[in-house]
């Protein structure tokens, strides 16, 4: 998906760069993103239980489809 100025990298730092296009300061955008990450981490097992995901599928999704380390490159530096 095109995020900003031809940048298609699925990283939080890319989203920060374009926060102004959504009338957000970088600080506000970072707060929203940090909150979303926190909610995902806190509720991961609960959601997986509700979805009846087996341990193999949970392991395949975690840090691959959800909260992949690539997404955080350049964000927490």
Protein backbone atom coordinates (compact mmCIF):
# COMPACT_ATOMS: atom_id res chain seq x y z
CA UNK A 1 0.00 0.00 0.00
CA UNK A 2 1.30 3.45 -0.84
CA UNK A 3 1.74 5.29 2.43
CA UNK A 4 3.70 8.45 1.71
CA UNK A 5 5.64 9.95 -1.19
CA UNK A 6 6.01 6.66 -3.04
CA UNK A 7 6.97 4.82 0.16
CA UNK A 8 5.33 1.41 0.43
CA UNK A 9 7.33 0.19 3.42
CA UNK A 10 5.03 -1.19 6.12
CA UNK A 11 6.81 0.44 9.01
CA UNK A 12 5.65 2.65 11.82
CA UNK A 13 8.35 5.17 10.98
CA UNK A 14 6.74 5.59 7.55
CA UNK A 15 3.43 6.33 9.23
CA UNK A 16 5.09 8.93 11.44
CA UNK A 17 6.49 10.67 8.38
CA UNK A 18 3.00 11.18 7.02
CA UNK A 19 1.14 11.90 10.29
CA UNK A 20 0.67 15.52 9.22
CA UNK A 21 -1.48 14.33 6.30
CA UNK A 22 -3.95 13.06 8.90
CA UNK A 23 -3.77 16.28 10.92
CA UNK A 24 -1.74 14.55 13.64
CA UNK A 25 1.50 15.62 15.21
CA UNK A 26 4.20 12.98 15.30
CA UNK A 27 3.77 12.87 19.07
CA UNK A 28 0.03 12.18 18.77
CA UNK A 29 0.60 9.58 16.05
CA UNK A 30 3.26 7.86 18.17
CA UNK A 31 0.88 7.79 21.13
CA UNK A 32 -1.83 6.14 19.02
CA UNK A 33 0.57 3.57 17.57
CA UNK A 34 2.10 2.77 20.95
CA UNK A 35 -1.38 2.26 22.37
CA UNK A 36 -2.36 -0.07 19.52
CA UNK A 37 0.80 -2.15 20.02
CA UNK A 38 0.11 -2.34 23.74
CA UNK A 39 -3.47 -3.51 23.19
CA UNK A 40 -2.37 -6.20 20.73
CA UNK A 41 0.32 -7.47 23.10
CA UNK A 42 -2.03 -7.43 26.09
CA UNK A 43 -4.92 -9.19 24.34
CA UNK A 44 -3.09 -11.56 21.99
CA UNK A 45 -3.83 -14.75 23.91
CA UNK A 46 -7.42 -13.76 24.65
CA UNK A 47 -8.15 -13.10 20.98
CA UNK A 48 -6.41 -16.31 19.92
CA UNK A 49 -8.50 -18.25 22.44
CA UNK A 50 -11.69 -16.66 21.12
CA UNK A 51 -10.66 -17.52 17.56
CA UNK A 52 -9.82 -21.06 18.69
CA UNK A 53 -6.35 -20.83 17.15
CA UNK A 54 -4.12 -23.79 17.84
CA UNK A 55 -0.58 -23.26 19.19
CA UNK A 56 0.99 -23.73 15.76
CA UNK A 57 -1.14 -21.04 14.13
CA UNK A 58 -0.55 -18.68 17.06
CA UNK A 59 3.19 -19.12 16.66
CA UNK A 60 2.98 -18.58 12.91
CA UNK A 61 1.04 -15.34 13.29
CA UNK A 62 2.90 -13.85 16.26
CA UNK A 63 5.75 -11.53 15.23
CA UNK A 64 5.17 -12.48 11.61
CA UNK A 65 1.70 -11.24 10.65
CA UNK A 66 1.24 -9.30 13.88
CA UNK A 67 3.97 -7.02 15.30
CA UNK A 68 6.59 -8.10 12.81
CA UNK A 69 9.97 -6.66 13.85
CA UNK A 70 10.38 -5.09 10.39
CA UNK A 71 7.46 -2.78 11.18
CA UNK A 72 9.42 -1.28 14.08
CA UNK A 73 12.67 -0.56 12.20
CA UNK A 74 13.48 3.12 12.58
CA UNK A 75 10.57 3.70 14.96
CA UNK A 76 12.10 3.08 18.36
CA UNK A 77 15.54 4.46 17.55
